Amino acid sequence: MSGSTETVCLVQQQDYQFKMEFGGTAPDWLADEPPPLGQGAGPSPVQLLAASVGNCLSDSLLFALRKFKQAPEPIRCEVVAEVGRNADNRLRVLGMQVTLTLGVAADTLQHLDRVLDQFEAFCTVTQSVGAGIAITVGVVDRDGKQLK
C-alpha cells in the first residue's frame, strides 16, 4: 500500500483546550470542548469532524466541475452532525447531513449529471468517515433547485 501521511500535533493549553499545530505554513488552531467541560474557545472535535467532511466534499465537487472547465463558485456547504447516545449510552456522532449549494444556476453548468454521480467517490475524508457514520449528501443550485 503506497500513500502519504499527514501529521497534526495537539498540545494542551489548559483544561480541554488544545492548540493544533498543522506544520508548514498552515496557522495553528485552538480546539475546545463546549461548556460545561470546556469554555467553547474554539471548535469542538465534532465541529472539526463535520468541517473536515464538508471541506472534502466541497473540494471534490469543485475539482470535478473544474475538470470540465465549469465555474460553480461560490460553493457553500452546511453540515449538520447529529450527536446522540449509542446502545451503550455513550455520546457518538450518529450521522451527518451535508448540503452543498452551488453559486450558480444548474442550467449554466455542463456535465453536471456526470459530476453529481461521481464526485463523492473521490472524497477521501467522507468515504473514510462514512464507513462508520451515516452521511447523506444533497446538492442544490443557487436558486434552491434540488440536484441530488
N, C-alpha and C. Protein backbone atom coordinates (compact mmCIF):
# COMPACT_ATOMS: atom_id res chain seq x y z
N MET A 1 0.85 -1.18 0.00
CA MET A 1 0.00 0.00 0.00
C MET A 1 0.89 1.24 0.00
N SER A 2 0.76 2.06 -0.99
CA SER A 2 1.54 3.29 -1.02
C SER A 2 0.61 4.47 -0.74
N GLY A 3 1.19 5.53 -0.28
CA GLY A 3 0.39 6.70 0.03
C GLY A 3 1.24 7.73 0.72
N SER A 4 0.58 8.58 1.46
CA SER A 4 1.28 9.62 2.18
C SER A 4 0.76 9.66 3.60
N THR A 5 1.36 10.49 4.40
CA THR A 5 0.90 10.65 5.77
C THR A 5 0.68 12.14 6.04
N GLU A 6 -0.18 12.41 6.98
CA GLU A 6 -0.42 13.77 7.47
C GLU A 6 -0.24 13.73 8.98
N THR A 7 0.46 14.70 9.51
CA THR A 7 0.71 14.75 10.95
C THR A 7 0.19 16.06 11.51
N VAL A 8 -0.59 15.97 12.57
CA VAL A 8 -1.07 17.13 13.31
C VAL A 8 -0.64 16.90 14.76
N CYS A 9 -0.11 17.93 15.39
CA CYS A 9 0.32 17.83 16.78
C CYS A 9 -0.65 18.65 17.65
N LEU A 10 -1.16 18.05 18.70
CA LEU A 10 -2.04 18.75 19.62
C LEU A 10 -1.32 18.94 20.95
N VAL A 11 -1.33 20.17 21.45
CA VAL A 11 -0.65 20.49 22.70
C VAL A 11 -1.67 21.13 23.64
N GLN A 12 -1.85 20.50 24.80
CA GLN A 12 -2.81 21.04 25.76
C GLN A 12 -2.38 22.42 26.23
N GLN A 13 -3.34 23.36 26.20
CA GLN A 13 -3.09 24.72 26.66
C GLN A 13 -3.59 24.88 28.10
N GLN A 14 -4.83 24.45 28.31
CA GLN A 14 -5.43 24.42 29.64
C GLN A 14 -6.71 23.61 29.54
N ASP A 15 -7.04 22.93 30.59
CA ASP A 15 -8.25 22.10 30.64
C ASP A 15 -8.45 21.35 29.33
N TYR A 16 -9.54 21.64 28.60
CA TYR A 16 -9.86 20.92 27.37
C TYR A 16 -9.47 21.69 26.12
N GLN A 17 -8.69 22.71 26.27
CA GLN A 17 -8.21 23.50 25.13
C GLN A 17 -6.89 22.92 24.64
N PHE A 18 -6.86 22.64 23.34
CA PHE A 18 -5.65 22.12 22.72
C PHE A 18 -5.29 22.97 21.51
N LYS A 19 -4.02 23.34 21.44
CA LYS A 19 -3.52 24.02 20.24
C LYS A 19 -3.21 22.92 19.23
N MET A 20 -3.74 23.09 18.02
CA MET A 20 -3.49 22.14 16.95
C MET A 20 -2.45 22.75 16.03
N GLU A 21 -1.33 22.06 15.90
CA GLU A 21 -0.24 22.51 15.06
C GLU A 21 -0.22 21.65 13.79
N PHE A 22 -0.43 22.31 12.64
CA PHE A 22 -0.52 21.61 11.37
C PHE A 22 0.81 21.56 10.63
N GLY A 23 1.75 22.40 11.02
CA GLY A 23 3.05 22.43 10.36
C GLY A 23 3.01 23.22 9.07
N GLY A 24 4.16 23.44 8.52
CA GLY A 24 4.25 24.20 7.27
C GLY A 24 3.75 25.62 7.47
N THR A 25 3.02 26.12 6.50
CA THR A 25 2.52 27.49 6.56
C THR A 25 1.11 27.59 7.13
N ALA A 26 0.51 26.45 7.44
CA ALA A 26 -0.85 26.46 8.00
C ALA A 26 -0.84 27.05 9.41
N PRO A 27 -1.76 27.97 9.70
CA PRO A 27 -1.80 28.55 11.05
C PRO A 27 -2.27 27.53 12.08
N ASP A 28 -1.81 27.71 13.31
CA ASP A 28 -2.28 26.87 14.41
C ASP A 28 -3.73 27.23 14.73
N TRP A 29 -4.46 26.26 15.26
CA TRP A 29 -5.83 26.48 15.69
C TRP A 29 -5.95 26.10 17.16
N LEU A 30 -6.99 26.62 17.79
CA LEU A 30 -7.30 26.24 19.16
C LEU A 30 -8.62 25.48 19.13
N ALA A 31 -8.62 24.28 19.66
CA ALA A 31 -9.85 23.49 19.79
C ALA A 31 -10.24 23.45 21.26
N ASP A 32 -11.53 23.39 21.52
CA ASP A 32 -12.00 23.37 22.91
C ASP A 32 -13.37 22.70 22.95
N GLU A 33 -13.62 22.01 24.01
CA GLU A 33 -14.94 21.43 24.23
C GLU A 33 -15.91 22.55 24.63
N PRO A 34 -17.17 22.40 24.28
CA PRO A 34 -18.16 23.39 24.74
C PRO A 34 -18.41 23.20 26.23
N PRO A 35 -18.99 24.23 26.88
CA PRO A 35 -19.35 24.08 28.29
C PRO A 35 -20.32 22.90 28.46
N PRO A 36 -20.30 22.20 29.54
CA PRO A 36 -19.66 22.53 30.81
C PRO A 36 -18.21 22.00 30.92
N LEU A 37 -17.76 21.15 29.99
CA LEU A 37 -16.38 20.65 30.09
C LEU A 37 -15.36 21.73 29.80
N GLY A 38 -15.51 22.38 28.66
CA GLY A 38 -14.57 23.41 28.24
C GLY A 38 -15.22 24.78 28.26
N GLN A 39 -14.57 25.70 27.58
CA GLN A 39 -15.07 27.07 27.53
C GLN A 39 -15.62 27.43 26.15
N GLY A 40 -15.54 26.51 25.20
CA GLY A 40 -16.02 26.81 23.85
C GLY A 40 -15.16 27.86 23.15
N ALA A 41 -13.87 27.93 23.49
CA ALA A 41 -12.97 28.94 22.92
C ALA A 41 -12.52 28.62 21.50
N GLY A 42 -12.90 27.47 21.00
CA GLY A 42 -12.55 27.07 19.64
C GLY A 42 -13.52 25.99 19.21
N PRO A 43 -13.37 25.52 17.98
CA PRO A 43 -14.27 24.46 17.52
C PRO A 43 -14.07 23.18 18.34
N SER A 44 -15.17 22.46 18.50
CA SER A 44 -15.13 21.19 19.22
C SER A 44 -14.68 20.08 18.27
N PRO A 45 -14.30 18.92 18.80
CA PRO A 45 -13.94 17.80 17.93
C PRO A 45 -15.06 17.42 16.95
N VAL A 46 -16.31 17.49 17.38
CA VAL A 46 -17.42 17.18 16.47
C VAL A 46 -17.49 18.21 15.35
N GLN A 47 -17.32 19.48 15.69
CA GLN A 47 -17.33 20.52 14.65
C GLN A 47 -16.17 20.33 13.68
N LEU A 48 -15.01 19.95 14.19
CA LEU A 48 -13.86 19.73 13.32
C LEU A 48 -14.10 18.55 12.38
N LEU A 49 -14.72 17.49 12.90
CA LEU A 49 -15.05 16.34 12.06
C LEU A 49 -16.04 16.74 10.96
N ALA A 50 -17.09 17.47 11.35
CA ALA A 50 -18.07 17.93 10.37
C ALA A 50 -17.43 18.85 9.34
N ALA A 51 -16.55 19.73 9.78
CA ALA A 51 -15.86 20.64 8.85
C ALA A 51 -14.98 19.86 7.89
N SER A 52 -14.31 18.83 8.37
CA SER A 52 -13.46 18.01 7.50
C SER A 52 -14.27 17.31 6.42
N VAL A 53 -15.41 16.75 6.81
CA VAL A 53 -16.28 16.09 5.83
C VAL A 53 -16.79 17.11 4.81
N GLY A 54 -17.28 18.25 5.29
CA GLY A 54 -17.82 19.27 4.39
C GLY A 54 -16.77 19.86 3.47
N ASN A 55 -15.57 20.10 4.02
CA ASN A 55 -14.50 20.66 3.21
C ASN A 55 -14.08 19.70 2.11
N CYS A 56 -13.95 18.43 2.45
CA CYS A 56 -13.54 17.44 1.47
C CYS A 56 -14.59 17.30 0.36
N LEU A 57 -15.87 17.28 0.73
CA LEU A 57 -16.92 17.19 -0.29
C LEU A 57 -16.95 18.44 -1.17
N SER A 58 -16.77 19.60 -0.57
CA SER A 58 -16.75 20.85 -1.33
C SER A 58 -15.59 20.85 -2.32
N ASP A 59 -14.41 20.44 -1.84
CA ASP A 59 -13.24 20.36 -2.72
C ASP A 59 -13.46 19.38 -3.86
N SER A 60 -14.04 18.23 -3.53
CA SER A 60 -14.26 17.19 -4.54
C SER A 60 -15.24 17.66 -5.61
N LEU A 61 -16.32 18.31 -5.18
CA LEU A 61 -17.30 18.83 -6.14
C LEU A 61 -16.68 19.90 -7.02
N LEU A 62 -15.93 20.83 -6.41
CA LEU A 62 -15.27 21.88 -7.18
C LEU A 62 -14.27 21.30 -8.17
N PHE A 63 -13.46 20.35 -7.73
CA PHE A 63 -12.48 19.72 -8.60
C PHE A 63 -13.15 19.05 -9.79
N ALA A 64 -14.22 18.30 -9.52
CA ALA A 64 -14.92 17.58 -10.58
C ALA A 64 -15.53 18.55 -11.61
N LEU A 65 -16.09 19.64 -11.15
CA LEU A 65 -16.66 20.62 -12.08
C LEU A 65 -15.57 21.36 -12.85
N ARG A 66 -14.50 21.71 -12.19
CA ARG A 66 -13.41 22.41 -12.88
C ARG A 66 -12.72 21.51 -13.91
N LYS A 67 -12.77 20.22 -13.68
CA LYS A 67 -12.21 19.29 -14.66
C LYS A 67 -12.89 19.46 -16.02
N PHE A 68 -14.16 19.84 -15.98
CA PHE A 68 -14.92 20.12 -17.21
C PHE A 68 -14.94 21.61 -17.53
N LYS A 69 -14.03 22.36 -16.90
CA LYS A 69 -13.89 23.80 -17.13
C LYS A 69 -15.18 24.58 -16.80
N GLN A 70 -15.83 24.15 -15.71
CA GLN A 70 -17.04 24.80 -15.24
C GLN A 70 -16.71 25.67 -14.02
N ALA A 71 -17.48 26.72 -13.83
CA ALA A 71 -17.25 27.65 -12.71
C ALA A 71 -18.49 27.71 -11.82
N PRO A 72 -18.52 26.89 -10.75
CA PRO A 72 -19.70 26.84 -9.88
C PRO A 72 -19.65 27.78 -8.69
N GLU A 73 -18.63 28.61 -8.61
CA GLU A 73 -18.38 29.43 -7.43
C GLU A 73 -19.42 30.51 -7.22
N PRO A 74 -19.64 30.86 -5.95
CA PRO A 74 -19.05 30.29 -4.74
C PRO A 74 -19.87 29.10 -4.23
N ILE A 75 -19.19 28.04 -3.90
CA ILE A 75 -19.85 26.87 -3.32
C ILE A 75 -20.00 27.10 -1.81
N ARG A 76 -21.14 26.73 -1.29
CA ARG A 76 -21.40 26.82 0.15
C ARG A 76 -21.74 25.41 0.64
N CYS A 77 -21.29 25.07 1.82
CA CYS A 77 -21.55 23.74 2.36
C CYS A 77 -22.01 23.86 3.81
N GLU A 78 -23.11 23.20 4.11
CA GLU A 78 -23.59 23.14 5.50
C GLU A 78 -23.61 21.67 5.93
N VAL A 79 -23.03 21.40 7.07
CA VAL A 79 -23.01 20.04 7.61
C VAL A 79 -23.70 20.06 8.97
N VAL A 80 -24.71 19.23 9.11
CA VAL A 80 -25.40 19.06 10.39
C VAL A 80 -25.02 17.69 10.93
N ALA A 81 -24.31 17.70 12.06
CA ALA A 81 -23.90 16.45 12.70
C ALA A 81 -24.86 16.14 13.85
N GLU A 82 -25.45 14.97 13.81
CA GLU A 82 -26.36 14.54 14.87
C GLU A 82 -25.55 13.80 15.93
N VAL A 83 -25.59 14.32 17.14
CA VAL A 83 -24.88 13.70 18.27
C VAL A 83 -25.93 13.13 19.21
N GLY A 84 -25.75 11.88 19.58
CA GLY A 84 -26.70 11.23 20.48
C GLY A 84 -26.04 10.04 21.16
N ARG A 85 -26.83 9.32 21.89
CA ARG A 85 -26.33 8.18 22.66
C ARG A 85 -26.46 6.88 21.85
N ASN A 86 -25.42 6.06 21.94
CA ASN A 86 -25.46 4.76 21.28
C ASN A 86 -26.07 3.73 22.23
N ALA A 87 -26.02 2.46 21.85
CA ALA A 87 -26.62 1.39 22.66
C ALA A 87 -25.96 1.27 24.03
N ASP A 88 -24.71 1.71 24.14
CA ASP A 88 -24.00 1.67 25.43
C ASP A 88 -24.16 2.98 26.20
N ASN A 89 -25.07 3.84 25.73
CA ASN A 89 -25.36 5.13 26.35
C ASN A 89 -24.18 6.10 26.32
N ARG A 90 -23.31 5.94 25.29
CA ARG A 90 -22.17 6.83 25.12
C ARG A 90 -22.44 7.79 23.97
N LEU A 91 -22.00 9.03 24.16
CA LEU A 91 -22.21 10.03 23.10
C LEU A 91 -21.40 9.67 21.86
N ARG A 92 -22.07 9.73 20.73
CA ARG A 92 -21.44 9.43 19.44
C ARG A 92 -22.03 10.34 18.38
N VAL A 93 -21.27 10.53 17.30
CA VAL A 93 -21.83 11.17 16.10
C VAL A 93 -22.62 10.07 15.40
N LEU A 94 -23.93 10.26 15.35
CA LEU A 94 -24.81 9.22 14.80
C LEU A 94 -24.98 9.35 13.29
N GLY A 95 -24.83 10.56 12.78
CA GLY A 95 -24.99 10.77 11.35
C GLY A 95 -24.70 12.21 10.99
N MET A 96 -24.54 12.44 9.70
CA MET A 96 -24.31 13.80 9.19
C MET A 96 -25.15 14.02 7.94
N GLN A 97 -25.72 15.20 7.87
CA GLN A 97 -26.46 15.64 6.69
C GLN A 97 -25.68 16.79 6.07
N VAL A 98 -25.26 16.61 4.83
CA VAL A 98 -24.47 17.62 4.14
C VAL A 98 -25.29 18.20 3.00
N THR A 99 -25.32 19.53 2.93
CA THR A 99 -25.97 20.21 1.81
C THR A 99 -24.95 21.13 1.16
N LEU A 100 -24.66 20.84 -0.10
CA LEU A 100 -23.76 21.67 -0.91
C LEU A 100 -24.62 22.55 -1.79
N THR A 101 -24.32 23.84 -1.80
CA THR A 101 -25.07 24.79 -2.63
C THR A 101 -24.13 25.41 -3.64
N LEU A 102 -24.47 25.25 -4.90
CA LEU A 102 -23.68 25.85 -5.97
C LEU A 102 -23.95 27.35 -6.01
N GLY A 103 -22.98 28.10 -6.46
CA GLY A 103 -23.12 29.54 -6.55
C GLY A 103 -23.77 30.02 -7.83
N VAL A 104 -24.14 29.08 -8.69
CA VAL A 104 -24.76 29.41 -9.98
C VAL A 104 -25.97 28.52 -10.21
N ALA A 105 -26.77 28.89 -11.20
CA ALA A 105 -27.91 28.06 -11.58
C ALA A 105 -27.41 26.79 -12.26
N ALA A 106 -28.08 25.69 -12.02
CA ALA A 106 -27.66 24.39 -12.56
C ALA A 106 -27.59 24.39 -14.08
N ASP A 107 -28.52 25.10 -14.72
CA ASP A 107 -28.55 25.06 -16.19
C ASP A 107 -27.38 25.80 -16.86
N THR A 108 -26.52 26.43 -16.07
CA THR A 108 -25.34 27.09 -16.62
C THR A 108 -24.12 26.17 -16.62
N LEU A 109 -24.26 24.98 -16.05
CA LEU A 109 -23.14 24.06 -15.92
C LEU A 109 -23.29 22.86 -16.85
N GLN A 110 -22.22 22.55 -17.55
CA GLN A 110 -22.20 21.38 -18.42
C GLN A 110 -21.71 20.17 -17.64
N HIS A 111 -22.14 18.99 -18.04
CA HIS A 111 -21.71 17.72 -17.46
C HIS A 111 -22.09 17.58 -15.98
N LEU A 112 -23.08 18.32 -15.53
CA LEU A 112 -23.44 18.32 -14.11
C LEU A 112 -23.92 16.95 -13.64
N ASP A 113 -24.72 16.26 -14.45
CA ASP A 113 -25.22 14.94 -14.04
C ASP A 113 -24.06 13.97 -13.81
N ARG A 114 -23.09 14.00 -14.70
CA ARG A 114 -21.92 13.12 -14.57
C ARG A 114 -21.14 13.45 -13.29
N VAL A 115 -20.93 14.74 -13.05
CA VAL A 115 -20.21 15.18 -11.85
C VAL A 115 -20.95 14.74 -10.59
N LEU A 116 -22.25 14.94 -10.55
CA LEU A 116 -23.04 14.59 -9.36
C LEU A 116 -23.04 13.09 -9.08
N ASP A 117 -22.90 12.29 -10.14
CA ASP A 117 -22.85 10.84 -9.97
C ASP A 117 -21.51 10.36 -9.41
N GLN A 118 -20.45 11.17 -9.58
CA GLN A 118 -19.11 10.68 -9.27
C GLN A 118 -18.36 11.38 -8.14
N PHE A 119 -18.63 12.64 -7.87
CA PHE A 119 -17.73 13.42 -7.01
C PHE A 119 -17.57 12.86 -5.59
N GLU A 120 -18.59 12.27 -5.02
CA GLU A 120 -18.50 11.75 -3.66
C GLU A 120 -17.49 10.61 -3.54
N ALA A 121 -17.38 9.81 -4.58
CA ALA A 121 -16.48 8.65 -4.56
C ALA A 121 -15.02 9.06 -4.45
N PHE A 122 -14.70 10.29 -4.82
CA PHE A 122 -13.31 10.76 -4.79
C PHE A 122 -12.99 11.54 -3.51
N CYS A 123 -13.92 11.63 -2.60
CA CYS A 123 -13.72 12.40 -1.38
C CYS A 123 -13.10 11.50 -0.30
N THR A 124 -11.82 11.66 -0.08
CA THR A 124 -11.05 10.81 0.83
C THR A 124 -11.64 10.78 2.24
N VAL A 125 -11.89 11.93 2.82
CA VAL A 125 -12.36 12.02 4.20
C VAL A 125 -13.78 11.46 4.34
N THR A 126 -14.68 11.89 3.47
CA THR A 126 -16.06 11.45 3.58
C THR A 126 -16.20 9.94 3.37
N GLN A 127 -15.47 9.40 2.42
CA GLN A 127 -15.54 7.95 2.20
C GLN A 127 -14.98 7.19 3.40
N SER A 128 -13.95 7.74 4.04
CA SER A 128 -13.37 7.08 5.21
C SER A 128 -14.30 7.18 6.42
N VAL A 129 -14.78 8.37 6.71
CA VAL A 129 -15.68 8.58 7.85
C VAL A 129 -17.01 7.86 7.62
N GLY A 130 -17.47 7.88 6.38
CA GLY A 130 -18.76 7.26 6.04
C GLY A 130 -18.80 5.76 6.26
N ALA A 131 -17.63 5.14 6.41
CA ALA A 131 -17.61 3.70 6.70
C ALA A 131 -18.16 3.42 8.10
N GLY A 132 -18.15 4.44 8.97
CA GLY A 132 -18.63 4.23 10.34
C GLY A 132 -19.77 5.14 10.75
N ILE A 133 -20.00 6.20 9.98
CA ILE A 133 -21.05 7.16 10.31
C ILE A 133 -21.87 7.40 9.05
N ALA A 134 -23.18 7.32 9.17
CA ALA A 134 -24.05 7.58 8.02
C ALA A 134 -23.94 9.04 7.59
N ILE A 135 -23.63 9.25 6.32
CA ILE A 135 -23.52 10.60 5.77
C ILE A 135 -24.41 10.68 4.55
N THR A 136 -25.35 11.62 4.58
CA THR A 136 -26.18 11.85 3.40
C THR A 136 -25.79 13.19 2.80
N VAL A 137 -25.75 13.21 1.48
CA VAL A 137 -25.28 14.39 0.76
C VAL A 137 -26.35 14.86 -0.21
N GLY A 138 -26.64 16.15 -0.15
CA GLY A 138 -27.55 16.77 -1.10
C GLY A 138 -26.84 17.93 -1.79
N VAL A 139 -27.24 18.21 -3.02
CA VAL A 139 -26.67 19.33 -3.76
C VAL A 139 -27.83 20.14 -4.32
N VAL A 140 -27.77 21.45 -4.13
CA VAL A 140 -28.77 22.36 -4.69
C VAL A 140 -28.03 23.46 -5.45
N ASP A 141 -28.74 24.08 -6.38
CA ASP A 141 -28.12 25.20 -7.07
C ASP A 141 -28.47 26.50 -6.35
N ARG A 142 -27.99 27.62 -6.87
CA ARG A 142 -28.17 28.90 -6.17
C ARG A 142 -29.63 29.30 -6.04
N ASP A 143 -30.50 28.72 -6.89
CA ASP A 143 -31.93 29.02 -6.84
C ASP A 143 -32.70 28.06 -5.94
N GLY A 144 -31.98 27.14 -5.30
CA GLY A 144 -32.62 26.18 -4.41
C GLY A 144 -33.13 24.92 -5.09
N LYS A 145 -32.84 24.78 -6.37
CA LYS A 145 -33.27 23.58 -7.11
C LYS A 145 -32.47 22.37 -6.63
N GLN A 146 -33.19 21.34 -6.17
CA GLN A 146 -32.55 20.12 -5.67
C GLN A 146 -31.97 19.34 -6.84
N LEU A 147 -30.66 19.09 -6.81
CA LEU A 147 -29.98 18.41 -7.90
C LEU A 147 -29.60 16.98 -7.54
N LYS A 148 -29.41 16.75 -6.25
CA LYS A 148 -29.02 15.42 -5.75
C LYS A 148 -29.60 15.25 -4.35
